[in-house]
Protein backbone atom coordinates (compact mmCIF):
# COMPACT_ATOMS: atom_id res chain seq x y z
CA MET A 1 112.29 30.58 -13.42
CA GLN A 2 108.70 30.70 -14.54
CA ILE A 3 105.71 28.43 -13.92
CA GLU A 4 103.43 27.61 -16.82
CA PRO A 5 100.57 25.19 -17.51
CA TYR A 6 101.71 21.73 -18.55
CA ASP A 7 101.68 20.99 -22.27
CA THR A 8 101.77 17.45 -23.69
CA SER A 9 105.02 18.32 -25.49
CA GLN A 10 106.67 18.46 -22.03
CA LEU A 11 105.79 14.88 -21.04
CA ASP A 12 109.20 13.34 -21.77
CA ALA A 13 111.00 16.11 -19.88
CA VAL A 14 108.65 15.78 -16.89
CA LYS A 15 109.07 12.00 -16.81
CA SER A 16 112.86 12.29 -17.04
CA LEU A 17 113.22 14.87 -14.27
CA SER A 18 110.84 12.86 -12.10
CA LEU A 19 112.96 9.72 -12.30
CA ARG A 20 116.08 11.72 -11.48
CA ALA A 21 114.37 13.46 -8.56
CA TRP A 22 112.83 10.31 -7.11
CA THR A 23 115.87 7.98 -7.34
CA PRO A 24 117.18 8.91 -3.86
CA VAL A 25 113.64 8.78 -2.48
CA PHE A 26 113.08 5.22 -3.67
CA ASP A 27 116.54 4.23 -2.43
CA SER A 28 115.51 5.56 0.98
CA ILE A 29 112.16 3.77 0.91
CA GLN A 30 113.93 0.51 0.04
CA ASN A 31 116.25 0.95 3.03
CA ALA A 32 113.33 1.78 5.34
CA MET A 33 111.09 -1.14 4.36
CA ASP A 34 111.37 -4.87 4.55
CA PHE A 35 113.00 -5.82 1.23
CA ASP A 36 110.32 -8.37 0.27
CA VAL A 37 107.54 -5.86 0.97
CA TYR A 38 109.38 -3.20 -1.03
CA ARG A 39 109.76 -5.56 -4.01
CA SER A 40 106.05 -6.45 -3.80
CA PHE A 41 105.13 -2.77 -4.07
CA TYR A 42 107.89 -1.77 -6.47
CA PRO A 43 109.12 -4.63 -8.65
CA ASP A 44 110.46 -1.83 -10.87
CA TRP A 45 109.67 1.57 -9.38
CA ARG A 46 110.87 3.40 -12.50
CA VAL A 47 108.25 1.71 -14.67
CA SER A 48 105.45 2.30 -12.15
CA GLN A 49 106.45 5.93 -11.57
CA LEU A 50 106.69 6.69 -15.28
CA HIS A 51 103.20 5.26 -15.66
CA ALA A 52 101.98 7.32 -12.68
CA VAL A 53 103.40 10.54 -14.16
CA GLU A 54 101.80 9.77 -17.53
CA GLU A 55 98.43 9.16 -15.85
CA VAL A 56 98.63 12.35 -13.79
CA CYS A 57 99.59 14.47 -16.77
CA ALA A 58 96.69 13.05 -18.82
CA ALA A 59 94.03 13.06 -16.08
CA THR A 60 91.14 15.41 -16.63
CA ASP A 61 90.64 15.88 -12.88
CA THR A 62 94.22 17.04 -12.32
CA LYS A 63 95.86 20.38 -13.06
CA VAL A 64 99.60 20.28 -13.79
CA TRP A 65 102.12 23.13 -13.98
CA VAL A 66 105.75 23.02 -15.04
CA ALA A 67 108.67 25.10 -13.76
CA ILE A 68 110.84 26.34 -16.63
CA ALA A 69 114.43 27.55 -16.19
CA SER A 70 117.04 28.07 -18.88
CA GLY A 71 114.44 27.02 -21.45
CA SER A 72 113.90 23.56 -19.93
CA ALA A 73 111.37 21.88 -17.65
CA VAL A 74 113.03 21.63 -14.23
CA GLY A 75 110.08 20.73 -12.03
CA PHE A 76 106.36 20.14 -11.95
CA VAL A 77 103.42 20.04 -9.59
CA ALA A 78 100.06 18.28 -10.00
CA VAL A 79 96.96 19.32 -8.07
CA LYS A 80 93.59 17.66 -7.54
CA LEU A 81 90.54 19.45 -6.17
CA ASP A 82 87.60 18.02 -4.26
CA SER A 83 84.93 20.71 -4.45
CA GLU A 84 82.58 18.77 -2.16
CA SER A 85 85.02 18.89 0.76
CA SER A 86 86.82 22.09 -0.37
CA LEU A 87 90.09 20.14 -0.23
CA GLY A 88 92.94 20.76 -2.62
CA GLU A 89 95.66 18.11 -2.80
CA ILE A 90 99.20 18.51 -4.02
CA TYR A 91 99.13 15.13 -5.66
CA MET A 92 102.61 14.94 -7.18
CA ILE A 93 105.67 17.18 -7.24
CA ALA A 94 109.26 16.81 -8.40
CA VAL A 95 112.24 19.07 -9.05
CA ASP A 96 115.23 18.07 -11.15
CA PRO A 97 118.18 17.35 -8.81
CA ASP A 98 120.35 19.85 -10.71
CA TYR A 99 117.86 22.59 -9.73
CA GLN A 100 117.00 21.55 -6.18
CA ARG A 101 117.68 23.88 -3.25
CA ARG A 102 116.99 26.92 -5.42
CA GLY A 103 113.43 27.57 -4.24
CA ILE A 104 111.72 25.89 -7.20
CA GLY A 105 109.82 23.35 -5.09
CA THR A 106 108.68 26.12 -2.75
CA ALA A 107 107.59 28.27 -5.71
CA LEU A 108 105.64 25.37 -7.24
CA ILE A 109 103.86 24.65 -3.96
CA GLU A 110 103.07 28.32 -3.32
CA PHE A 111 101.73 28.60 -6.88
CA ALA A 112 99.54 25.52 -6.32
CA LEU A 113 98.29 26.83 -2.96
CA ASN A 114 97.32 30.18 -4.48
CA TRP A 115 95.52 28.40 -7.31
CA MET A 116 93.65 26.17 -4.84
CA LYS A 117 92.56 29.18 -2.81
CA ALA A 118 91.38 31.01 -5.95
CA ALA A 119 89.44 27.86 -6.91
CA GLY A 120 87.53 28.05 -3.61
CA MET A 121 89.36 25.39 -1.60
CA SER A 122 89.60 25.95 2.15
CA VAL A 123 92.14 23.23 3.04
CA ALA A 124 95.28 22.01 1.29
CA MET A 125 96.81 18.57 1.78
CA VAL A 126 99.99 16.85 0.71
CA GLU A 127 101.20 13.35 1.56
CA THR A 128 104.80 12.25 1.77
CA GLY A 129 106.97 9.58 3.33
CA GLY A 130 108.49 9.66 6.78
CA ASP A 131 111.77 8.12 5.59
CA PRO A 132 115.01 10.14 5.25
CA GLY A 133 114.62 10.44 1.47
CA HIS A 134 111.48 12.53 1.95
CA ALA A 135 113.05 14.86 4.57
CA PRO A 136 113.63 17.75 2.12
CA ALA A 137 109.97 17.60 1.03
CA ARG A 138 108.76 17.56 4.64
CA CYS A 139 110.95 20.58 5.38
CA ILE A 140 109.35 22.59 2.56
CA TYR A 141 105.81 21.59 3.56
CA GLU A 142 106.39 22.57 7.17
CA LYS A 143 108.07 25.84 6.13
CA LEU A 144 104.94 26.68 4.13
CA GLY A 145 102.64 26.02 7.09
CA PHE A 146 101.51 22.43 6.59
CA ARG A 147 101.10 20.54 9.85
CA LEU A 148 101.71 16.81 10.26
CA LEU A 149 98.98 14.31 11.09
CA PRO A 150 100.89 11.27 12.37
CA ILE A 151 99.62 8.06 10.79
CA ALA A 152 101.13 4.65 11.40
CA ARG A 153 101.03 2.29 8.44
CA TYR A 154 102.49 -1.18 8.93
CA PHE A 155 103.38 -3.77 6.29
CA LYS A 156 104.15 -7.48 6.44
CA LYS A 157 105.03 -9.73 3.53
CA LEU A 158 102.75 -12.75 3.34
């Protein structure tokens, strides 16, 4: 497995692996939230997530890298930097389900952390859900030294 800078020719592969990776996550979110609230946020999560991936990959303020294995894109990570606060944010990450639990997510995050440090950042941040679908992500973040700041966010359908 190697990590390389994102190229626009990889967009379809990145979008495809993202949908596959995030299907169980969105299933978990749906089970954790009030159904009407979930549908308000995600009338069609696939459409909104494809759009989000396209925006991230095209954003000039975001750096994206792709994990390549067997000649194919199998994961990606997107990073945003805030030079004013010296904060680097892992903004988006996904690993193809067929390649999960092989260390690719960890490698992508470590790569991003090293890049942030080299860019002069002093703090790294990543946000994720507290639902069961995000448990594997939380495990990796904690393994790599991230510490949780508990935040309560409540929703009610009006």
